[in-house]
Structures are given as structure tokens and as C-alpha cells.
Amino acid sequence: MLPTLPQGKAARAIYGAYIVGFLVYLFAPLVVVVAFAFNDSNFSSPPWNGFTFGWFVDSGPDRVGLLHNDPLTRSLAVSLQVALGVAVLSVAVGTCNAFLFERHKFPLRGLLYMMMLWPLVIPGVILGISILAFSSTVANSLEELLNMDIDFLRPGLPLVILGQFAFITTITTLVISARLRKFDPTLEEAALNLGASKMMAIATVTLPYLLPAIIGASVIAFLMSFENFNTTLMLVGSDAPLTIQLYSMMREGSTPVVNAVSVALIGGSALLVLALIFTDRGEKKAR
């Protein structure tokens, strides 16, 4: 609805109802998940039997809370390990890609840029299957020809990191490129005229300017990796990340400990987003 156009009472009421309905549709499932994380029941469904923190802290024979659930804590550690690895790799490569596409003109540049975007439109399951098939073929060929077993090409955490890195790098490249496009190259030229080398000028002038985008891209990469399921499912080995562990638990019929995990993830994601907002505000005030 355009605010500059005249609006009747009926139009405003319909628009308001749409906004309310959309927000309810968006947040009602989260409210339900959070509420039943504190329900004193062995089932993630009504009725409400009273308030409890048991699904977070209990360790008895009848109820094992999140903090004492070894499979969940191990899978959480695996997810953190994978997400940190993906974030570091994708931001490092994404920064290099941003300089490559924004600073240099070379043959087939447009084609390569389009190819970089392909992982965003390929379904995660198809991407995972493709990576698994390719890596398994390479590993089997090397084993036959050279009698070498390359473990990181087999299903496991290294392959999960490589699989997620394949499409998350595209996101980090786009985020950092958008920031680099606004950079004034004369600032680098001034540093060069004052005696700085090319690398020193980039390290002391350009990268500090890109820092907010790098931080934002790191948070996005971390969260996208942490919650990824489709690609991870095709590449995972014996060490299951949290999303795969939750999927296995839900298939077998789980307790509200899954809701407790959801509450912890919602809280952690909110803290990361708030930190990103405050970082952006601090950067704007420093200008």
C-alpha cells in the first residue's frame, strides 16, 4: 500500500488485518515451541501441566534435560565446529572474490560471476548429492590408481564443511562486494603516494572499511551453516551436526528437550543479530 495514495477506512482495516495475520503466521509457531519447552510433561503438546526448567537442567532417569543430554551436546559441538570452519573459509574466499570481481576486468568475467551464483538456485539436496558423487568418484579413482585413501573426500565433517562452503561463499561474496563497490579508490592511491605498498594500503585502508561487511558476512555464514540441513544430510558421516541429530530424534518421537534446544538456538541467534546491529550502529557513529 502506497502511503501517498488516499486510503479509506476499509482499505486501512484490510491492510492492518493483513499485517497482523502475517505476523501471527510468522511468530505463532515460535511462541508455541518456546512455551512447550517449559511444560512439565513428557510430550511437546497440550495439555499444559505446569511450568518447569526440567527440560534444560534435569538429569534424572525419567527426564534428561538439554545440559545433560550427551547426544545433543555432542551434536551441538559438531555444528559449532562446522559453522566456524565454514564462516572462516567462506569469508576469506568471499573477500578475495569481491576484490576479483570489483577491481579487475578479465575475459569471461560475467560468465564466472553467473556461475558463482548458481549454487543459490540449485536445491540443497541436489547440491549435496552432486558433491557426494563427485568426491566419492575422485576418492575411489585415487585409491585405485595410487592406493591412497583420501579421508576428507569421504562422508564426514571435512566434506560437510566443503559442501556448505560451496554455496555460502556466494553469499559472503555478495555482501562484501556490495561494501567494496562503495569504497573510494582514491583513499588507496593516497596511501600509495605516502609510501605504502599495495598490500599495506589494502590492509590499513581498504580492509578496515570492509570490516562491518566482513563481520556481517561472518554472522550470516555462521548462521546459514549452523541451520543447514539439506546439503548436510547428504554429506554427513558418523559425527552428526545438530540439525541431523534433531531430525533423527523427531523421527523416533521426541520429548520437549527438542523445544529446549529450539529456545537455546533462538536466544543464540538473537544475540548474534543484536551484536551485529550494535556493531553497525557503532560503525555509523564513528563516521
C-alpha atoms as a PDB file:
ATOM      1  CA  MET A   1       0.000   0.000   0.000  1.00  0.00           C
ATOM      2  CA  LEU A   2       1.414   3.368  -1.036  1.00  0.00           C
ATOM      3  CA  PRO A   3       1.225   5.948   1.787  1.00  0.00           C
ATOM      4  CA  THR A   4       0.898   8.807  -0.717  1.00  0.00           C
ATOM      5  CA  LEU A   5      -2.405   7.473  -2.103  1.00  0.00           C
ATOM      6  CA  PRO A   6      -5.708   8.274  -0.389  1.00  0.00           C
ATOM      7  CA  GLN A   7      -6.820   5.421   1.844  1.00  0.00           C
ATOM      8  CA  GLY A   8     -10.319   4.672   3.003  1.00  0.00           C
ATOM      9  CA  LYS A   9     -11.155   3.127   6.355  1.00  0.00           C
ATOM     10  CA  ALA A  10     -11.883  -0.249   4.767  1.00  0.00           C
ATOM     11  CA  ALA A  11      -8.531  -0.293   2.948  1.00  0.00           C
ATOM     12  CA  ARG A  12      -6.656   0.595   6.138  1.00  0.00           C
ATOM     13  CA  ALA A  13      -8.535  -2.082   8.075  1.00  0.00           C
ATOM     14  CA  ILE A  14      -7.784  -4.740   5.468  1.00  0.00           C
ATOM     15  CA  TYR A  15      -4.131  -3.722   5.334  1.00  0.00           C
ATOM     16  CA  GLY A  16      -3.868  -3.785   9.132  1.00  0.00           C
ATOM     17  CA  ALA A  17      -5.529  -7.198   9.288  1.00  0.00           C
ATOM     18  CA  TYR A  18      -3.088  -8.490   6.688  1.00  0.00           C
ATOM     19  CA  ILE A  19      -0.092  -7.255   8.699  1.00  0.00           C
ATOM     20  CA  VAL A  20      -1.448  -8.776  11.916  1.00  0.00           C
ATOM     21  CA  GLY A  21      -2.227 -12.067  10.184  1.00  0.00           C
ATOM     22  CA  PHE A  22       1.231 -12.211   8.641  1.00  0.00           C
ATOM     23  CA  LEU A  23       2.937 -11.570  11.987  1.00  0.00           C
ATOM     24  CA  VAL A  24       0.798 -14.204  13.697  1.00  0.00           C
ATOM     25  CA  TYR A  25       1.597 -16.704  10.958  1.00  0.00           C
ATOM     26  CA  LEU A  26       5.299 -15.880  11.311  1.00  0.00           C
ATOM     27  CA  PHE A  27       5.678 -15.907  15.091  1.00  0.00           C
ATOM     28  CA  ALA A  28       2.920 -18.225  16.386  1.00  0.00           C
ATOM     29  CA  PRO A  29       4.964 -21.431  15.747  1.00  0.00           C
ATOM     30  CA  LEU A  30       7.930 -19.929  17.601  1.00  0.00           C
ATOM     31  CA  VAL A  31       5.739 -18.958  20.554  1.00  0.00           C
ATOM     32  CA  VAL A  32       4.316 -22.482  20.744  1.00  0.00           C
ATOM     33  CA  VAL A  33       7.773 -24.072  20.559  1.00  0.00           C
ATOM     34  CA  VAL A  34       9.109 -21.803  23.309  1.00  0.00           C
ATOM     35  CA  ALA A  35       6.076 -22.306  25.540  1.00  0.00           C
ATOM     36  CA  PHE A  36       6.204 -26.106  25.493  1.00  0.00           C
ATOM     37  CA  ALA A  37       9.919 -26.083  26.291  1.00  0.00           C
ATOM     38  CA  PHE A  38       8.797 -25.167  29.827  1.00  0.00           C
ATOM     39  CA  ASN A  39       5.855 -27.566  30.036  1.00  0.00           C
ATOM     40  CA  ASP A  40       6.053 -30.144  32.826  1.00  0.00           C
ATOM     41  CA  SER A  41       5.147 -33.001  30.502  1.00  0.00           C
ATOM     42  CA  ASN A  42       6.900 -35.702  28.516  1.00  0.00           C
ATOM     43  CA  PHE A  43       5.203 -34.603  25.304  1.00  0.00           C
ATOM     44  CA  SER A  44       5.553 -31.460  23.182  1.00  0.00           C
ATOM     45  CA  SER A  45       1.808 -30.933  23.059  1.00  0.00           C
ATOM     46  CA  PRO A  46      -1.150 -29.894  25.241  1.00  0.00           C
ATOM     47  CA  PRO A  47      -2.291 -30.058  27.931  1.00  0.00           C
ATOM     48  CA  TRP A  48      -0.251 -27.628  29.988  1.00  0.00           C
ATOM     49  CA  ASN A  49       0.894 -29.401  33.161  1.00  0.00           C
ATOM     50  CA  GLY A  50       2.813 -26.612  34.850  1.00  0.00           C
ATOM     51  CA  PHE A  51       5.984 -24.588  34.468  1.00  0.00           C
ATOM     52  CA  THR A  52       9.424 -26.242  34.713  1.00  0.00           C
ATOM     53  CA  PHE A  53      13.056 -25.760  33.733  1.00  0.00           C
ATOM     54  CA  GLY A  54      13.484 -29.531  33.761  1.00  0.00           C
ATOM     55  CA  TRP A  55      13.971 -29.896  30.027  1.00  0.00           C
ATOM     56  CA  PHE A  56      17.041 -27.684  30.353  1.00  0.00           C
ATOM     57  CA  VAL A  57      18.687 -28.836  33.599  1.00  0.00           C
ATOM     58  CA  ASP A  58      17.270 -32.181  34.817  1.00  0.00           C
ATOM     59  CA  SER A  59      19.377 -35.339  34.722  1.00  0.00           C
ATOM     60  CA  GLY A  60      17.110 -37.972  36.285  1.00  0.00           C
ATOM     61  CA  PRO A  61      16.123 -41.355  34.833  1.00  0.00           C
ATOM     62  CA  ASP A  62      12.708 -40.071  33.697  1.00  0.00           C
ATOM     63  CA  ARG A  63      13.849 -36.774  32.225  1.00  0.00           C
ATOM     64  CA  VAL A  64      17.176 -35.782  30.690  1.00  0.00           C
ATOM     65  CA  GLY A  65      17.499 -32.057  30.102  1.00  0.00           C
ATOM     66  CA  LEU A  66      19.453 -30.309  27.395  1.00  0.00           C
ATOM     67  CA  LEU A  67      22.553 -29.691  29.528  1.00  0.00           C
ATOM     68  CA  HIS A  68      22.835 -33.403  30.365  1.00  0.00           C
ATOM     69  CA  ASN A  69      21.840 -34.886  27.009  1.00  0.00           C
ATOM     70  CA  ASP A  70      25.131 -36.198  25.635  1.00  0.00           C
ATOM     71  CA  PRO A  71      23.987 -36.814  22.021  1.00  0.00           C
ATOM     72  CA  LEU A  72      22.604 -33.271  21.785  1.00  0.00           C
ATOM     73  CA  THR A  73      25.636 -31.604  23.358  1.00  0.00           C
ATOM     74  CA  ARG A  74      27.987 -33.575  21.085  1.00  0.00           C
ATOM     75  CA  SER A  75      25.980 -32.640  18.001  1.00  0.00           C
ATOM     76  CA  LEU A  76      25.939 -29.007  19.148  1.00  0.00           C
ATOM     77  CA  ALA A  77      29.729 -29.053  19.409  1.00  0.00           C
ATOM     78  CA  VAL A  78      29.934 -30.584  15.919  1.00  0.00           C
ATOM     79  CA  SER A  79      27.653 -27.878  14.498  1.00  0.00           C
ATOM     80  CA  LEU A  80      29.746 -25.138  16.118  1.00  0.00           C
ATOM     81  CA  GLN A  81      32.909 -26.671  14.695  1.00  0.00           C
ATOM     82  CA  VAL A  82      31.433 -26.890  11.197  1.00  0.00           C
ATOM     83  CA  ALA A  83      29.898 -23.395  11.327  1.00  0.00           C
ATOM     84  CA  LEU A  84      33.156 -21.784  12.460  1.00  0.00           C
ATOM     85  CA  GLY A  85      35.114 -23.571   9.738  1.00  0.00           C
ATOM     86  CA  VAL A  86      32.611 -22.597   7.054  1.00  0.00           C
ATOM     87  CA  ALA A  87      32.483 -18.982   8.270  1.00  0.00           C
ATOM     88  CA  VAL A  88      36.271 -18.589   8.194  1.00  0.00           C
ATOM     89  CA  LEU A  89      36.679 -20.212   4.782  1.00  0.00           C
ATOM     90  CA  SER A  90      33.721 -18.514   3.116  1.00  0.00           C
ATOM     91  CA  VAL A  91      34.621 -15.033   4.406  1.00  0.00           C
ATOM     92  CA  ALA A  92      38.275 -15.405   3.378  1.00  0.00           C
ATOM     93  CA  VAL A  93      37.395 -16.630  -0.114  1.00  0.00           C
ATOM     94  CA  GLY A  94      34.458 -14.223  -0.366  1.00  0.00           C
ATOM     95  CA  THR A  95      36.759 -11.270   0.334  1.00  0.00           C
ATOM     96  CA  CYS A  96      39.158 -12.423  -2.394  1.00  0.00           C
ATOM     97  CA  ASN A  97      36.223 -12.898  -4.771  1.00  0.00           C
ATOM     98  CA  ALA A  98      34.963  -9.399  -4.017  1.00  0.00           C
ATOM     99  CA  PHE A  99      38.323  -7.877  -4.966  1.00  0.00           C
ATOM    100  CA  LEU A 100      38.495 -10.094  -8.057  1.00  0.00           C
ATOM    101  CA  PHE A 101      35.092  -9.130  -9.454  1.00  0.00           C
ATOM    102  CA  GLU A 102      35.048  -5.479  -8.349  1.00  0.00           C
ATOM    103  CA  ARG A 103      38.633  -4.478  -9.107  1.00  0.00           C
ATOM    104  CA  HIS A 104      39.656  -6.489 -12.168  1.00  0.00           C
ATOM    105  CA  LYS A 105      38.459  -6.853 -15.739  1.00  0.00           C
ATOM    106  CA  PHE A 106      39.272 -10.184 -17.383  1.00  0.00           C
ATOM    107  CA  PRO A 107      37.851 -12.499 -20.067  1.00  0.00           C
ATOM    108  CA  LEU A 108      34.680 -14.400 -19.150  1.00  0.00           C
ATOM    109  CA  ARG A 109      34.241 -12.292 -16.023  1.00  0.00           C
ATOM    110  CA  GLY A 110      30.471 -12.113 -16.496  1.00  0.00           C
ATOM    111  CA  LEU A 111      30.192 -15.860 -17.065  1.00  0.00           C
ATOM    112  CA  LEU A 112      32.226 -16.649 -13.969  1.00  0.00           C
ATOM    113  CA  TYR A 113      30.100 -14.258 -11.915  1.00  0.00           C
ATOM    114  CA  MET A 114      26.941 -16.036 -13.098  1.00  0.00           C
ATOM    115  CA  MET A 115      28.485 -19.422 -12.318  1.00  0.00           C
ATOM    116  CA  MET A 116      29.243 -18.180  -8.807  1.00  0.00           C
ATOM    117  CA  LEU A 117      25.512 -17.523  -8.342  1.00  0.00           C
ATOM    118  CA  TRP A 118      24.409 -20.983  -9.482  1.00  0.00           C
ATOM    119  CA  PRO A 119      24.654 -22.646  -6.030  1.00  0.00           C
ATOM    120  CA  LEU A 120      21.990 -20.227  -4.782  1.00  0.00           C
ATOM    121  CA  VAL A 121      19.369 -21.576  -7.189  1.00  0.00           C
ATOM    122  CA  ILE A 122      20.342 -25.251  -7.012  1.00  0.00           C
ATOM    123  CA  PRO A 123      18.306 -27.158  -4.360  1.00  0.00           C
ATOM    124  CA  GLY A 124      20.400 -28.097  -1.354  1.00  0.00           C
ATOM    125  CA  VAL A 125      19.674 -31.816  -1.749  1.00  0.00           C
ATOM    126  CA  ILE A 126      20.822 -31.780  -5.378  1.00  0.00           C
ATOM    127  CA  LEU A 127      23.944 -29.837  -4.414  1.00  0.00           C
ATOM    128  CA  GLY A 128      24.731 -32.326  -1.655  1.00  0.00           C
ATOM    129  CA  ILE A 129      24.204 -35.338  -3.910  1.00  0.00           C
ATOM    130  CA  SER A 130      26.391 -33.787  -6.624  1.00  0.00           C
ATOM    131  CA  ILE A 131      29.221 -33.043  -4.203  1.00  0.00           C
ATOM    132  CA  LEU A 132      28.982 -36.532  -2.699  1.00  0.00           C
ATOM    133  CA  ALA A 133      29.029 -38.214  -6.119  1.00  0.00           C
ATOM    134  CA  PHE A 134      31.960 -36.116  -7.323  1.00  0.00           C
ATOM    135  CA  SER A 135      34.049 -36.518  -4.167  1.00  0.00           C
ATOM    136  CA  SER A 136      33.378 -40.270  -3.991  1.00  0.00           C
ATOM    137  CA  THR A 137      34.407 -40.685  -7.634  1.00  0.00           C
ATOM    138  CA  VAL A 138      37.632 -38.772  -7.051  1.00  0.00           C
ATOM    139  CA  ALA A 139      38.396 -40.692  -3.847  1.00  0.00           C
ATOM    140  CA  ASN A 140      37.743 -44.072  -5.486  1.00  0.00           C
ATOM    141  CA  SER A 141      39.875 -43.157  -8.506  1.00  0.00           C
ATOM    142  CA  LEU A 142      42.804 -42.077  -6.326  1.00  0.00           C
ATOM    143  CA  GLU A 143      42.505 -45.226  -4.267  1.00  0.00           C
ATOM    144  CA  GLU A 144      42.591 -47.413  -7.375  1.00  0.00           C
ATOM    145  CA  LEU A 145      45.375 -45.560  -9.154  1.00  0.00           C
ATOM    146  CA  LEU A 146      47.646 -44.515  -6.284  1.00  0.00           C
ATOM    147  CA  ASN A 147      46.451 -46.772  -3.461  1.00  0.00           C
ATOM    148  CA  MET A 148      45.664 -43.643  -1.434  1.00  0.00           C
ATOM    149  CA  ASP A 149      42.581 -43.233   0.741  1.00  0.00           C
ATOM    150  CA  ILE A 150      41.686 -39.526   0.954  1.00  0.00           C
ATOM    151  CA  ASP A 151      39.530 -39.316   4.080  1.00  0.00           C
ATOM    152  CA  PHE A 152      38.279 -35.750   3.592  1.00  0.00           C
ATOM    153  CA  LEU A 153      36.623 -36.800   0.317  1.00  0.00           C
ATOM    154  CA  ARG A 154      34.539 -39.388   2.163  1.00  0.00           C
ATOM    155  CA  PRO A 155      31.312 -38.510   4.057  1.00  0.00           C
ATOM    156  CA  GLY A 156      32.292 -36.704   7.250  1.00  0.00           C
ATOM    157  CA  LEU A 157      32.883 -33.278   8.733  1.00  0.00           C
ATOM    158  CA  PRO A 158      35.503 -32.106   6.177  1.00  0.00           C
ATOM    159  CA  LEU A 159      33.120 -32.900   3.333  1.00  0.00           C
ATOM    160  CA  VAL A 160      30.244 -31.204   5.183  1.00  0.00           C
ATOM    161  CA  ILE A 161      32.370 -28.059   5.516  1.00  0.00           C
ATOM    162  CA  LEU A 162      33.326 -28.169   1.840  1.00  0.00           C
ATOM    163  CA  GLY A 163      29.714 -28.754   0.791  1.00  0.00           C
ATOM    164  CA  GLN A 164      28.357 -25.829   2.801  1.00  0.00           C
ATOM    165  CA  PHE A 165      31.289 -23.669   1.753  1.00  0.00           C
ATOM    166  CA  ALA A 166      30.322 -24.261  -1.893  1.00  0.00           C
ATOM    167  CA  PHE A 167      27.166 -22.144  -1.633  1.00  0.00           C
ATOM    168  CA  ILE A 168      27.696 -19.960   1.447  1.00  0.00           C
ATOM    169  CA  THR A 169      30.757 -18.384  -0.188  1.00  0.00           C
ATOM    170  CA  THR A 170      28.411 -16.889  -2.768  1.00  0.00           C
ATOM    171  CA  ILE A 171      26.516 -15.054  -0.003  1.00  0.00           C
ATOM    172  CA  THR A 172      29.665 -13.691   1.626  1.00  0.00           C
ATOM    173  CA  THR A 173      30.988 -12.578  -1.766  1.00  0.00           C
ATOM    174  CA  LEU A 174      27.818 -10.608  -2.492  1.00  0.00           C
ATOM    175  CA  VAL A 175      27.790  -8.967   0.953  1.00  0.00           C
ATOM    176  CA  ILE A 176      31.437  -7.896   0.841  1.00  0.00           C
ATOM    177  CA  SER A 177      31.240  -6.869  -2.835  1.00  0.00           C
ATOM    178  CA  ALA A 178      28.356  -4.502  -2.068  1.00  0.00           C
ATOM    179  CA  ARG A 179      30.511  -2.742   0.526  1.00  0.00           C
ATOM    180  CA  LEU A 180      33.630  -2.698  -1.648  1.00  0.00           C
ATOM    181  CA  ARG A 181      31.655  -1.129  -4.518  1.00  0.00           C
ATOM    182  CA  LYS A 182      31.099   1.971  -2.359  1.00  0.00           C
ATOM    183  CA  PHE A 183      34.777   2.349  -1.472  1.00  0.00           C
ATOM    184  CA  ASP A 184      36.635   5.387  -2.839  1.00  0.00           C
ATOM    185  CA  PRO A 185      39.798   4.070  -4.585  1.00  0.00           C
ATOM    186  CA  THR A 186      41.485   7.467  -4.184  1.00  0.00           C
ATOM    187  CA  LEU A 187      41.985   6.620  -0.494  1.00  0.00           C
ATOM    188  CA  GLU A 188      44.218   3.730  -1.520  1.00  0.00           C
ATOM    189  CA  GLU A 189      46.012   5.974  -4.001  1.00  0.00           C
ATOM    190  CA  ALA A 190      46.695   8.478  -1.226  1.00  0.00           C
ATOM    191  CA  ALA A 191      48.226   5.728   0.907  1.00  0.00           C
ATOM    192  CA  LEU A 192      50.387   4.633  -2.042  1.00  0.00           C
ATOM    193  CA  ASN A 193      51.551   8.229  -2.583  1.00  0.00           C
ATOM    194  CA  LEU A 194      52.577   8.375   1.083  1.00  0.00           C
ATOM    195  CA  GLY A 195      54.880   5.383   0.607  1.00  0.00           C
ATOM    196  CA  ALA A 196      52.683   2.411   1.492  1.00  0.00           C
ATOM    197  CA  SER A 197      52.904  -0.759  -0.545  1.00  0.00           C
ATOM    198  CA  LYS A 198      49.826  -2.130  -2.310  1.00  0.00           C
ATOM    199  CA  MET A 199      49.249  -4.796   0.346  1.00  0.00           C
ATOM    200  CA  MET A 200      49.845  -2.319   3.160  1.00  0.00           C
ATOM    201  CA  ALA A 201      47.323   0.098   1.638  1.00  0.00           C
ATOM    202  CA  ILE A 202      44.735  -2.657   1.416  1.00  0.00           C
ATOM    203  CA  ALA A 203      45.442  -3.851   4.971  1.00  0.00           C
ATOM    204  CA  THR A 204      45.367  -0.383   6.572  1.00  0.00           C
ATOM    205  CA  VAL A 205      42.771   1.423   4.440  1.00  0.00           C
ATOM    206  CA  THR A 206      40.514  -0.938   2.500  1.00  0.00           C
ATOM    207  CA  LEU A 207      40.051  -3.804   4.937  1.00  0.00           C
ATOM    208  CA  PRO A 208      39.094  -1.533   7.876  1.00  0.00           C
ATOM    209  CA  TYR A 209      36.462  -0.017   5.600  1.00  0.00           C
ATOM    210  CA  LEU A 210      35.216  -3.517   4.743  1.00  0.00           C
ATOM    211  CA  LEU A 211      35.208  -4.660   8.386  1.00  0.00           C
ATOM    212  CA  PRO A 212      31.450  -4.140   9.014  1.00  0.00           C
ATOM    213  CA  ALA A 213      30.643  -6.148   5.882  1.00  0.00           C
ATOM    214  CA  ILE A 214      33.133  -8.841   6.859  1.00  0.00           C
ATOM    215  CA  ILE A 215      31.575  -9.117  10.328  1.00  0.00           C
ATOM    216  CA  GLY A 216      28.080  -9.229   8.845  1.00  0.00           C
ATOM    217  CA  ALA A 217      29.102 -11.850   6.291  1.00  0.00           C
ATOM    218  CA  SER A 218      30.705 -13.922   9.074  1.00  0.00           C
ATOM    219  CA  VAL A 219      27.497 -13.900  11.121  1.00  0.00           C
ATOM    220  CA  ILE A 220      25.384 -14.788   8.079  1.00  0.00           C
ATOM    221  CA  ALA A 221      27.752 -17.601   7.096  1.00  0.00           C
ATOM    222  CA  PHE A 222      27.819 -18.960  10.644  1.00  0.00           C
ATOM    223  CA  LEU A 223      24.026 -18.987  10.972  1.00  0.00           C
ATOM    224  CA  MET A 224      23.454 -20.445   7.491  1.00  0.00           C
ATOM    225  CA  SER A 225      25.930 -23.227   8.190  1.00  0.00           C
ATOM    226  CA  PHE A 226      24.559 -23.923  11.655  1.00  0.00           C
ATOM    227  CA  GLU A 227      20.973 -24.380  10.451  1.00  0.00           C
ATOM    228  CA  ASN A 228      21.730 -26.141   7.163  1.00  0.00           C
ATOM    229  CA  PHE A 229      20.038 -29.494   6.761  1.00  0.00           C
ATOM    230  CA  ASN A 230      19.537 -30.497   3.109  1.00  0.00           C
ATOM    231  CA  THR A 231      23.148 -30.382   1.965  1.00  0.00           C
ATOM    232  CA  THR A 232      24.482 -31.640   5.292  1.00  0.00           C
ATOM    233  CA  LEU A 233      22.214 -34.692   5.239  1.00  0.00           C
ATOM    234  CA  MET A 234      23.861 -35.921   2.037  1.00  0.00           C
ATOM    235  CA  LEU A 235      27.442 -35.446   3.262  1.00  0.00           C
ATOM    236  CA  VAL A 236      27.379 -36.286   6.961  1.00  0.00           C
ATOM    237  CA  GLY A 237      29.350 -39.171   8.417  1.00  0.00           C
ATOM    238  CA  SER A 238      29.332 -40.669  11.905  1.00  0.00           C
ATOM    239  CA  ASP A 239      29.519 -37.269  13.651  1.00  0.00           C
ATOM    240  CA  ALA A 240      26.070 -35.741  13.236  1.00  0.00           C
ATOM    241  CA  PRO A 241      25.566 -31.969  13.452  1.00  0.00           C
ATOM    242  CA  LEU A 242      22.670 -30.659  15.488  1.00  0.00           C
ATOM    243  CA  THR A 243      20.181 -30.445  12.615  1.00  0.00           C
ATOM    244  CA  ILE A 244      20.726 -34.095  11.707  1.00  0.00           C
ATOM    245  CA  GLN A 245      20.518 -35.157  15.355  1.00  0.00           C
ATOM    246  CA  LEU A 246      17.230 -33.297  15.816  1.00  0.00           C
ATOM    247  CA  TYR A 247      15.861 -34.885  12.658  1.00  0.00           C
ATOM    248  CA  SER A 248      16.713 -38.346  13.968  1.00  0.00           C
ATOM    249  CA  MET A 249      15.102 -37.588  17.330  1.00  0.00           C
ATOM    250  CA  MET A 250      11.909 -36.262  15.757  1.00  0.00           C
ATOM    251  CA  ARG A 251      11.574 -39.345  13.559  1.00  0.00           C
ATOM    252  CA  GLU A 252      11.617 -41.534  16.660  1.00  0.00           C
ATOM    253  CA  GLY A 253       9.239 -39.300  18.621  1.00  0.00           C
ATOM    254  CA  SER A 254      10.984 -36.890  20.929  1.00  0.00           C
ATOM    255  CA  THR A 255      10.357 -35.137  24.228  1.00  0.00           C
ATOM    256  CA  PRO A 256      10.233 -31.364  24.882  1.00  0.00           C
ATOM    257  CA  VAL A 257      14.036 -31.380  25.066  1.00  0.00           C
ATOM    258  CA  VAL A 258      13.821 -30.571  21.346  1.00  0.00           C
ATOM    259  CA  ASN A 259      11.847 -27.458  22.292  1.00  0.00           C
ATOM    260  CA  ALA A 260      14.568 -26.600  24.794  1.00  0.00           C
ATOM    261  CA  VAL A 261      17.151 -26.829  22.003  1.00  0.00           C
ATOM    262  CA  SER A 262      14.981 -24.521  19.891  1.00  0.00           C
ATOM    263  CA  VAL A 263      14.820 -21.966  22.704  1.00  0.00           C
ATOM    264  CA  ALA A 264      18.607 -22.038  23.039  1.00  0.00           C
ATOM    265  CA  LEU A 265      19.047 -21.576  19.284  1.00  0.00           C
ATOM    266  CA  ILE A 266      16.529 -18.730  19.140  1.00  0.00           C
ATOM    267  CA  GLY A 267      18.334 -16.996  22.003  1.00  0.00           C
ATOM    268  CA  GLY A 268      21.762 -17.506  20.459  1.00  0.00           C
ATOM    269  CA  SER A 269      20.623 -16.244  17.059  1.00  0.00           C
ATOM    270  CA  ALA A 270      19.019 -13.201  18.660  1.00  0.00           C
ATOM    271  CA  LEU A 271      22.247 -12.374  20.492  1.00  0.00           C
ATOM    272  CA  LEU A 272      24.252 -12.615  17.262  1.00  0.00           C
ATOM    273  CA  VAL A 273      21.804 -10.342  15.442  1.00  0.00           C
ATOM    274  CA  LEU A 274      21.853  -7.809  18.297  1.00  0.00           C
ATOM    275  CA  ALA A 275      25.650  -7.827  18.295  1.00  0.00           C
ATOM    276  CA  LEU A 276      25.584  -7.220  14.541  1.00  0.00           C
ATOM    277  CA  ILE A 277      23.141  -4.312  14.952  1.00  0.00           C
ATOM    278  CA  PHE A 278      25.228  -2.673  17.684  1.00  0.00           C
ATOM    279  CA  THR A 279      28.379  -3.123  15.601  1.00  0.00           C
ATOM    280  CA  ASP A 280      26.698  -1.426  12.653  1.00  0.00           C
ATOM    281  CA  ARG A 281      25.497   1.435  14.847  1.00  0.00           C
ATOM    282  CA  GLY A 282      28.958   1.890  16.313  1.00  0.00           C
ATOM    283  CA  GLU A 283      30.446   1.994  12.836  1.00  0.00           C
ATOM    284  CA  LYS A 284      27.923   4.635  11.726  1.00  0.00           C
ATOM    285  CA  LYS A 285      28.641   6.813  14.783  1.00  0.00           C
ATOM    286  CA  ALA A 286      32.372   6.606  14.076  1.00  0.00           C
ATOM    287  CA  ARG A 287      31.935   8.124  10.611  1.00  0.00           C
END
